[in-house]
Amino acid sequence: MAICVPRKVATVALLGGGRWARVHATVLTSSWPGLCKLLLVSRHNKISMEAWARNHPGTDSLLLDAREQLASHRPDAAIVCTASAAHVQDAGWLLAHDIAVLVEKPLALDVAAAQSLTREAERRGQVLCVSLPFAMAGYLREFKAECGTRRIARARMEWLDCASEVRYGEAKVTDFSTHRVDDAVPHIWSIFALLLGDRAPTVNAVFDDAPDTVGVRAAWGGAEVEISFGRHSGARRRRLDVWFDGGAHLGLDFTEESRLTILDGDSRRPVSWDRHPGPLEAVQKAFLTAVEQGDPAAADPLLVARCLESVRLAACLRSAAVSRDALRLGELIDNPSESARARILLLENVGPEAVDLGRRLSHAGEDEKRNFADAGLAALRRAGAPDAAWEELFEGSAFLRQVLAHRAGKP
């Protein structure tokens, strides 16, 4: 194991060009005073990153086409905001070139890959963190302080998103290249890890809480936990409720940061959002401070070694959700009145698989996604006789195989 060597962070690489990568870039340029140069690497969203650079003329930024070009620029640290399926590969490349890495969630899609990254970071003496802003959110730490020493006996989390909304001044639409489990569970895990400890929860049940919503019951740190998450709700909702031994209740509505509310019994009181640093800024500062100090512990609780249970939980829930979705789609596919829900179930599960074949639905318009889904549903109705556009997917999709098996009566 190599020693982590302090280094001044003046040049940072940002891999990825989507909406959240641009949010990272904006926060970084306004919050890290030592930043001298920002290297922007985007394979698929170069036009958007060029527009970002034009809108931030005070930032010395350089646009690159591929991560391999970073080798000659030698950044001090890097932030990975590429497609979820590429996170492990991109982070591994950066670590192999002795560059500290902050990876957007999901860190990895399986525990073995996350553990491999952790070992590589330790071997090279590099800081490796995962971006979990809610682990650093001041209002959640205030909520934890309100809990005090009371033991949490039961907890419930609602984490619902709309299919499209405006966030931080940009349109946010469902990114079907990331499974909904991997989109929500890392955040949910980070909040419960803050309140209940980061020991592995025991999942007792996974069920359909509502149409297109996943419900989970688990035992976590001595508490009974219920979680509901999805991203096709009629309205955005973020709500946390805990009940203590004796029945006392404390809740937090953090649906909108500008209207944060703690619910204590029958009383409601606002929580100030106007704090610095904000959650994402706190993540970046913790990571970059750890790099400058040569002390990975300065980034706790964002260190990947501390967050492996989030990957394990997501893998468990993803497997269960995929199986339930395959069964449900097999039941709905011949019902014309359920065509909209059938499209969602197909896109939610085939979208992440399609990335491996070079098909990224995150760049598709609504008509293209609809036509893509309808072609897949038609092929399923023909018992897996796809047209040319779907042939590769039917050969490589575990989800589609499960749907066909259910329709054939062979679950």
Protein backbone atom coordinates (compact mmCIF):
# COMPACT_ATOMS: atom_id res chain seq x y z
CA MET A 1 0.00 0.00 0.00
CA ALA A 2 1.44 3.36 -1.08
CA ILE A 3 1.42 6.49 1.06
CA CYS A 4 -1.02 9.21 -0.01
CA VAL A 5 1.15 12.21 -0.93
CA PRO A 6 -0.20 15.77 -0.47
CA ARG A 7 -0.50 17.78 -3.66
CA LYS A 8 -1.76 21.24 -4.50
CA VAL A 9 -4.98 21.02 -6.49
CA ALA A 10 -4.81 23.56 -9.29
CA THR A 11 -5.96 21.55 -12.33
CA VAL A 12 -9.10 19.41 -12.19
CA ALA A 13 -10.47 17.16 -14.92
CA LEU A 14 -14.22 16.74 -15.33
CA LEU A 15 -15.31 13.71 -17.34
CA GLY A 16 -18.83 13.84 -18.78
CA GLY A 17 -20.97 16.54 -20.31
CA GLY A 18 -24.50 15.96 -19.08
CA ARG A 19 -26.63 18.23 -16.90
CA TRP A 20 -25.07 17.10 -13.62
CA ALA A 21 -21.53 17.43 -14.99
CA ARG A 22 -22.32 21.05 -15.79
CA VAL A 23 -23.67 21.56 -12.26
CA HIS A 24 -20.42 20.12 -10.90
CA ALA A 25 -18.41 22.47 -13.12
CA THR A 26 -20.38 25.54 -12.03
CA VAL A 27 -20.09 24.73 -8.32
CA LEU A 28 -16.39 23.91 -8.62
CA THR A 29 -15.42 27.14 -10.35
CA SER A 30 -17.19 29.22 -7.72
CA SER A 31 -16.12 27.30 -4.62
CA TRP A 32 -12.52 26.13 -5.03
CA PRO A 33 -10.27 29.19 -4.85
CA GLY A 34 -7.13 27.34 -5.91
CA LEU A 35 -8.58 26.18 -9.23
CA CYS A 36 -6.42 27.38 -12.11
CA LYS A 37 -7.56 25.15 -14.96
CA LEU A 38 -10.56 22.94 -15.68
CA LEU A 39 -10.16 20.13 -18.22
CA LEU A 40 -13.54 19.21 -19.71
CA VAL A 41 -13.74 15.76 -21.29
CA SER A 42 -16.94 14.88 -23.11
CA ARG A 43 -17.50 12.15 -25.67
CA HIS A 44 -21.18 12.78 -26.32
CA ASN A 45 -22.07 16.29 -25.07
CA LYS A 46 -19.25 18.45 -26.37
CA ILE A 47 -21.63 21.09 -27.73
CA SER A 48 -23.22 21.50 -24.30
CA MET A 49 -19.82 21.81 -22.63
CA GLU A 50 -18.69 24.36 -25.21
CA ALA A 51 -21.79 26.38 -24.36
CA TRP A 52 -20.99 26.08 -20.65
CA ALA A 53 -17.44 27.33 -21.28
CA ARG A 54 -18.75 30.33 -23.24
CA ASN A 55 -21.08 31.19 -20.36
CA HIS A 56 -18.15 31.04 -17.88
CA PRO A 57 -15.49 33.16 -19.59
CA GLY A 58 -13.67 33.73 -16.30
CA THR A 59 -12.76 30.04 -16.08
CA ASP A 60 -9.62 28.79 -17.81
CA SER A 61 -11.12 25.67 -19.36
CA LEU A 62 -9.91 23.31 -22.06
CA LEU A 63 -12.23 20.93 -23.92
CA LEU A 64 -10.93 17.46 -24.72
CA ASP A 65 -12.48 14.63 -26.73
CA ALA A 66 -11.19 11.63 -24.78
CA ARG A 67 -9.87 10.83 -21.32
CA GLU A 68 -6.61 9.54 -22.85
CA GLN A 69 -5.72 13.15 -23.66
CA LEU A 70 -5.50 13.84 -19.92
CA ALA A 71 -2.21 11.94 -19.73
CA SER A 72 -0.33 14.89 -21.20
CA HIS A 73 -2.09 17.47 -18.98
CA ARG A 74 -1.54 15.70 -15.65
CA PRO A 75 -4.54 16.95 -13.63
CA ASP A 76 -4.27 16.94 -9.85
CA ALA A 77 -7.73 15.42 -9.42
CA ALA A 78 -10.71 14.33 -11.49
CA ILE A 79 -14.49 14.16 -11.18
CA VAL A 80 -16.30 11.40 -13.10
CA CYS A 81 -19.81 12.25 -14.33
CA THR A 82 -20.00 9.94 -17.33
CA ALA A 83 -22.69 7.30 -17.99
CA SER A 84 -23.22 5.02 -14.99
CA ALA A 85 -21.95 1.95 -16.83
CA ALA A 86 -18.67 3.78 -17.56
CA HIS A 87 -17.90 4.90 -14.01
CA VAL A 88 -15.72 1.93 -13.07
CA GLN A 89 -13.74 1.99 -16.30
CA ASP A 90 -13.18 5.76 -16.18
CA ALA A 91 -12.24 5.77 -12.49
CA GLY A 92 -9.91 2.81 -13.03
CA TRP A 93 -8.12 4.58 -15.87
CA LEU A 94 -7.64 7.70 -13.76
CA LEU A 95 -6.31 5.75 -10.79
CA ALA A 96 -3.91 3.88 -13.11
CA HIS A 97 -2.53 7.29 -14.07
CA ASP A 98 -2.15 8.33 -10.41
CA ILE A 99 -5.03 10.80 -10.41
CA ALA A 100 -7.33 11.15 -7.38
CA VAL A 101 -10.98 10.52 -8.26
CA LEU A 102 -14.42 11.65 -7.16
CA VAL A 103 -17.02 9.42 -8.85
CA GLU A 104 -20.66 10.39 -9.26
CA LYS A 105 -23.17 7.86 -8.01
CA PRO A 106 -23.62 5.04 -8.73
CA LEU A 107 -20.00 4.22 -7.96
CA ALA A 108 -20.30 0.77 -9.56
CA LEU A 109 -22.99 -1.70 -10.55
CA ASP A 110 -21.53 -4.61 -8.57
CA VAL A 111 -19.57 -4.99 -5.36
CA ALA A 112 -16.60 -6.77 -6.94
CA ALA A 113 -15.93 -3.81 -9.24
CA ALA A 114 -16.19 -1.35 -6.34
CA GLN A 115 -13.83 -3.44 -4.24
CA SER A 116 -11.35 -3.61 -7.12
CA LEU A 117 -11.33 0.18 -7.37
CA THR A 118 -10.82 0.47 -3.62
CA ARG A 119 -7.82 -1.86 -3.72
CA GLU A 120 -6.31 0.04 -6.64
CA ALA A 121 -6.70 3.38 -4.84
CA GLU A 122 -5.06 1.97 -1.71
CA ARG A 123 -2.25 0.39 -3.73
CA ARG A 124 -1.48 3.68 -5.44
CA GLY A 125 -2.03 5.91 -2.43
CA GLN A 126 -4.80 7.88 -4.13
CA VAL A 127 -8.00 9.42 -2.76
CA LEU A 128 -11.10 7.72 -4.15
CA CYS A 129 -14.50 9.10 -3.19
CA VAL A 130 -18.11 8.79 -4.29
CA SER A 131 -20.29 11.88 -4.62
CA LEU A 132 -23.08 11.57 -2.04
CA PRO A 133 -24.27 15.14 -1.38
CA PHE A 134 -26.94 14.16 1.15
CA ALA A 135 -24.24 12.70 3.38
CA MET A 136 -22.92 16.26 3.66
CA ALA A 137 -26.21 18.20 3.70
CA GLY A 138 -26.41 20.56 6.68
CA TYR A 139 -30.16 20.16 7.06
CA LEU A 140 -29.86 16.38 7.38
CA ARG A 141 -27.16 16.78 10.01
CA GLU A 142 -29.48 19.19 11.82
CA PHE A 143 -32.22 16.56 11.62
CA LYS A 144 -29.84 13.97 13.09
CA ALA A 145 -29.01 16.39 15.90
CA GLU A 146 -32.77 16.80 16.56
CA CYS A 147 -32.99 13.02 16.98
CA GLY A 148 -30.42 13.28 19.75
CA THR A 149 -29.76 10.09 21.64
CA ARG A 150 -33.27 8.71 21.11
CA ARG A 151 -33.29 5.28 19.49
CA ILE A 152 -35.00 5.14 16.12
CA ALA A 153 -37.42 2.19 16.11
CA ARG A 154 -39.01 2.78 12.71
CA ALA A 155 -38.31 4.95 9.68
CA ARG A 156 -39.86 5.68 6.30
CA MET A 157 -38.41 7.39 3.22
CA GLU A 158 -40.32 8.63 0.17
CA TRP A 159 -38.08 9.45 -2.80
CA LEU A 160 -40.21 10.25 -5.84
CA ASP A 161 -39.32 12.11 -9.03
CA CYS A 162 -41.32 13.31 -12.02
CA ALA A 163 -40.49 12.08 -15.49
CA SER A 164 -39.41 15.64 -16.28
CA GLU A 165 -38.87 18.82 -14.28
CA VAL A 166 -36.60 21.85 -14.14
CA ARG A 167 -33.69 21.62 -11.69
CA TYR A 168 -30.94 24.22 -11.22
CA GLY A 169 -32.23 26.08 -14.28
CA GLU A 170 -32.04 23.07 -16.62
CA ALA A 171 -34.59 20.53 -17.79
CA LYS A 172 -34.17 17.19 -16.02
CA VAL A 173 -35.72 14.16 -17.71
CA THR A 174 -35.57 10.50 -16.78
CA ASP A 175 -32.22 9.05 -17.82
CA PHE A 176 -33.04 5.50 -18.86
CA SER A 177 -29.33 4.67 -19.27
CA THR A 178 -29.24 4.43 -15.46
CA HIS A 179 -31.56 1.99 -13.71
CA ARG A 180 -33.96 3.70 -11.30
CA VAL A 181 -32.44 1.68 -8.43
CA ASP A 182 -28.96 3.04 -9.17
CA ASP A 183 -30.40 6.54 -9.53
CA ALA A 184 -32.04 6.67 -6.10
CA VAL A 185 -30.57 4.05 -3.77
CA PRO A 186 -27.07 5.56 -3.27
CA HIS A 187 -28.70 8.76 -1.97
CA ILE A 188 -31.18 6.88 0.20
CA TRP A 189 -28.40 4.70 1.60
CA SER A 190 -26.29 7.75 2.49
CA ILE A 191 -29.16 9.28 4.49
CA PHE A 192 -29.93 6.14 6.45
CA ALA A 193 -26.21 5.50 6.96
CA LEU A 194 -26.03 8.95 8.58
CA LEU A 195 -28.98 8.19 10.88
CA LEU A 196 -28.66 4.46 11.52
CA GLY A 197 -25.02 3.62 10.77
CA ASP A 198 -23.40 2.20 7.66
CA ARG A 199 -23.79 -1.47 8.55
CA ALA A 200 -25.45 -3.66 5.93
CA PRO A 201 -29.26 -3.56 6.07
CA THR A 202 -31.25 -6.78 5.78
CA VAL A 203 -33.79 -6.55 2.95
CA ASN A 204 -36.99 -8.35 3.93
CA ALA A 205 -39.26 -7.50 1.02
CA VAL A 206 -39.30 -5.71 -2.35
CA PHE A 207 -42.74 -4.91 -3.76
CA ASP A 208 -44.73 -2.59 -6.03
CA ASP A 209 -45.59 0.29 -3.72
CA ALA A 210 -47.56 2.03 -6.51
CA PRO A 211 -47.42 1.90 -10.31
CA ASP A 212 -43.77 2.37 -11.37
CA THR A 213 -42.71 2.75 -7.73
CA VAL A 214 -40.48 0.32 -5.84
CA GLY A 215 -41.25 -0.43 -2.20
CA VAL A 216 -38.69 -1.91 0.19
CA ARG A 217 -38.91 -3.20 3.75
CA ALA A 218 -35.64 -3.73 5.60
CA ALA A 219 -34.06 -4.05 9.03
CA TRP A 220 -31.38 -1.42 9.44
CA GLY A 221 -29.37 -0.64 12.55
CA GLY A 222 -32.06 -2.02 14.84
CA ALA A 223 -34.86 -0.10 13.09
CA GLU A 224 -37.65 -1.22 10.80
CA VAL A 225 -37.26 0.75 7.58
CA GLU A 226 -39.67 1.25 4.70
CA ILE A 227 -38.59 2.93 1.47
CA SER A 228 -40.60 4.03 -1.56
CA PHE A 229 -38.84 5.32 -4.67
CA GLY A 230 -39.60 5.92 -8.33
CA ARG A 231 -39.21 8.50 -11.06
CA HIS A 232 -42.56 8.65 -12.85
CA SER A 233 -44.58 10.24 -10.08
CA GLY A 234 -47.04 13.05 -10.60
CA ALA A 235 -44.98 15.27 -8.30
CA ARG A 236 -41.49 15.39 -6.82
CA ARG A 237 -41.36 14.29 -3.18
CA ARG A 238 -38.60 13.88 -0.60
CA ARG A 239 -39.88 12.98 2.84
CA LEU A 240 -38.18 11.28 5.81
CA ASP A 241 -40.08 10.18 8.92
CA VAL A 242 -38.72 8.46 12.01
CA TRP A 243 -40.46 7.10 15.09
CA PHE A 244 -38.57 6.60 18.33
CA ASP A 245 -39.00 4.11 21.14
CA GLY A 246 -42.14 5.26 22.93
CA GLY A 247 -43.81 6.45 19.72
CA ALA A 248 -42.53 10.05 19.38
CA HIS A 249 -42.25 11.18 15.74
CA LEU A 250 -39.89 13.47 13.83
CA GLY A 251 -40.13 14.19 10.11
CA LEU A 252 -38.30 16.14 7.44
CA ASP A 253 -39.81 17.37 4.20
CA PHE A 254 -36.93 18.22 1.87
CA THR A 255 -38.84 18.13 -1.41
CA GLU A 256 -37.76 21.68 -2.18
CA GLU A 257 -34.58 23.09 -0.64
CA SER A 258 -36.17 26.53 -0.37
CA ARG A 259 -39.00 25.11 1.80
CA LEU A 260 -37.25 22.65 4.11
CA THR A 261 -39.50 21.73 7.02
CA ILE A 262 -39.01 19.70 10.20
CA LEU A 263 -42.18 18.11 11.54
CA ASP A 264 -42.04 17.53 15.30
CA GLY A 265 -45.28 16.10 16.62
CA ASP A 266 -47.95 18.62 15.64
CA SER A 267 -45.49 21.46 15.03
CA ARG A 268 -43.80 22.45 11.77
CA ARG A 269 -40.76 24.68 11.57
CA PRO A 270 -38.63 25.77 8.63
CA VAL A 271 -34.97 24.86 8.22
CA SER A 272 -32.64 27.36 6.61
CA TRP A 273 -31.24 26.33 3.22
CA ASP A 274 -29.09 29.45 2.85
CA ARG A 275 -25.92 27.81 4.14
CA HIS A 276 -22.42 27.50 2.84
CA PRO A 277 -21.16 25.18 1.77
CA GLY A 278 -24.13 23.55 0.06
CA PRO A 279 -24.21 19.75 -0.19
CA LEU A 280 -22.42 19.42 -3.54
CA GLU A 281 -19.90 22.10 -2.66
CA ALA A 282 -19.23 20.27 0.62
CA VAL A 283 -18.60 17.04 -1.31
CA GLN A 284 -16.12 18.72 -3.64
CA LYS A 285 -14.33 20.51 -0.82
CA ALA A 286 -14.02 17.34 1.28
CA PHE A 287 -12.57 15.46 -1.69
CA LEU A 288 -10.14 18.17 -2.81
CA THR A 289 -9.05 18.92 0.78
CA ALA A 290 -8.24 15.22 1.25
CA VAL A 291 -6.12 15.36 -1.93
CA GLU A 292 -4.28 18.50 -0.83
CA GLN A 293 -3.63 17.16 2.66
CA GLY A 294 -2.70 13.69 1.45
CA ASP A 295 -5.19 12.38 3.99
CA PRO A 296 -8.09 10.28 2.65
CA ALA A 297 -9.76 10.38 6.07
CA ALA A 298 -10.48 14.07 5.48
CA ALA A 299 -13.11 12.98 2.93
CA ASP A 300 -14.97 10.65 5.28
CA PRO A 301 -17.85 9.63 4.87
CA LEU A 302 -17.39 9.82 1.09
CA LEU A 303 -14.53 7.34 0.85
CA VAL A 304 -15.42 4.44 -1.40
CA ALA A 305 -14.18 1.99 1.23
CA ARG A 306 -16.94 3.33 3.52
CA CYS A 307 -19.64 3.14 0.85
CA LEU A 308 -19.37 -0.43 -0.42
CA GLU A 309 -22.62 -1.35 1.33
CA SER A 310 -24.47 1.15 -0.87
CA VAL A 311 -23.32 -0.80 -3.93
CA ARG A 312 -24.31 -4.10 -2.33
CA LEU A 313 -27.76 -2.78 -1.41
CA ALA A 314 -28.35 -1.39 -4.90
CA ALA A 315 -27.32 -4.68 -6.52
CA CYS A 316 -29.74 -6.59 -4.28
CA LEU A 317 -32.66 -4.24 -4.97
CA ARG A 318 -31.90 -4.02 -8.69
CA SER A 319 -32.05 -7.79 -9.05
CA ALA A 320 -35.38 -7.94 -7.21
CA ALA A 321 -36.86 -4.97 -9.11
CA VAL A 322 -35.82 -6.37 -12.50
CA SER A 323 -37.48 -9.71 -11.71
CA ARG A 324 -40.70 -8.04 -10.59
CA ASP A 325 -40.71 -5.73 -13.62
CA ALA A 326 -40.23 -8.67 -15.98
CA LEU A 327 -43.21 -10.47 -14.43
CA ARG A 328 -45.35 -7.33 -14.52
CA LEU A 329 -44.44 -6.52 -18.14
CA GLY A 330 -45.30 -10.06 -19.19
CA GLU A 331 -48.75 -9.52 -17.67
CA LEU A 332 -49.35 -6.05 -19.15
CA ILE A 333 -47.94 -6.39 -22.64
CA ASP A 334 -51.17 -7.54 -24.32
CA ASN A 335 -53.38 -4.96 -22.59
CA PRO A 336 -53.71 -1.83 -24.80
CA SER A 337 -54.88 0.28 -21.85
CA GLU A 338 -51.56 -0.40 -20.09
CA SER A 339 -49.32 0.48 -23.04
CA ALA A 340 -47.85 3.59 -21.37
CA ARG A 341 -46.84 1.63 -18.28
CA ALA A 342 -45.49 -1.22 -20.41
CA ARG A 343 -43.22 1.26 -22.24
CA ILE A 344 -41.89 2.58 -18.94
CA LEU A 345 -41.15 -0.91 -17.61
CA LEU A 346 -39.31 -1.80 -20.79
CA LEU A 347 -37.32 1.46 -20.95
CA GLU A 348 -36.40 1.33 -17.25
CA ASN A 349 -34.82 -2.10 -17.63
CA VAL A 350 -33.60 -2.29 -21.23
CA GLY A 351 -32.22 1.26 -21.24
CA PRO A 352 -29.26 0.42 -18.96
CA GLU A 353 -28.54 -2.77 -20.92
CA ALA A 354 -28.59 -0.87 -24.23
CA VAL A 355 -25.63 1.26 -23.12
CA ASP A 356 -23.31 -1.72 -23.54
CA LEU A 357 -24.36 -1.86 -27.19
CA GLY A 358 -23.72 1.82 -27.79
CA ARG A 359 -27.38 2.87 -27.55
CA ARG A 360 -27.81 5.69 -25.01
CA LEU A 361 -31.43 6.64 -24.47
CA SER A 362 -30.33 9.63 -22.39
CA HIS A 363 -29.78 11.41 -25.73
CA ALA A 364 -33.06 10.31 -27.30
CA GLY A 365 -36.11 12.53 -27.74
CA GLU A 366 -39.54 11.50 -26.49
CA ASP A 367 -40.69 10.25 -29.90
CA GLU A 368 -37.51 8.22 -30.36
CA LYS A 369 -37.90 6.61 -26.91
CA ARG A 370 -41.55 5.83 -27.61
CA ASN A 371 -40.75 4.24 -30.98
CA PHE A 372 -37.85 2.31 -29.43
CA ALA A 373 -40.11 0.91 -26.71
CA ASP A 374 -42.95 0.09 -29.10
CA ALA A 375 -40.58 -1.87 -31.33
CA GLY A 376 -39.37 -3.86 -28.32
CA LEU A 377 -42.90 -4.55 -27.10
CA ALA A 378 -43.92 -5.69 -30.58
CA ALA A 379 -40.96 -8.10 -30.67
CA LEU A 380 -41.94 -9.47 -27.25
CA ARG A 381 -45.48 -10.09 -28.49
CA ARG A 382 -43.97 -12.04 -31.39
CA ALA A 383 -42.26 -14.26 -28.78
CA GLY A 384 -38.84 -12.71 -29.27
CA ALA A 385 -38.73 -12.34 -33.05
CA PRO A 386 -37.14 -8.88 -33.19
CA ASP A 387 -36.46 -6.59 -36.11
CA ALA A 388 -32.84 -5.76 -36.94
CA ALA A 389 -32.69 -2.82 -34.53
CA TRP A 390 -33.59 -5.06 -31.57
CA GLU A 391 -31.76 -8.24 -32.53
CA GLU A 392 -28.62 -7.49 -30.49
CA LEU A 393 -30.66 -6.45 -27.48
CA PHE A 394 -32.64 -9.67 -27.46
CA GLU A 395 -29.40 -11.62 -27.60
CA GLY A 396 -27.82 -9.72 -24.69
CA SER A 397 -30.72 -8.62 -22.48
CA ALA A 398 -31.27 -10.63 -19.30
CA PHE A 399 -34.45 -8.62 -18.69
CA LEU A 400 -36.00 -9.50 -22.05
CA ARG A 401 -35.17 -13.16 -21.51
CA GLN A 402 -37.01 -13.04 -18.19
CA VAL A 403 -40.07 -11.45 -19.82
CA LEU A 404 -40.14 -14.12 -22.54
CA ALA A 405 -39.76 -16.87 -19.94
CA HIS A 406 -42.75 -15.52 -17.97
CA ARG A 407 -44.85 -15.31 -21.12
CA ALA A 408 -43.92 -18.88 -21.96
CA GLY A 409 -44.95 -19.96 -18.47
CA LYS A 410 -41.35 -20.75 -17.43
CA PRO A 411 -40.43 -18.22 -14.68
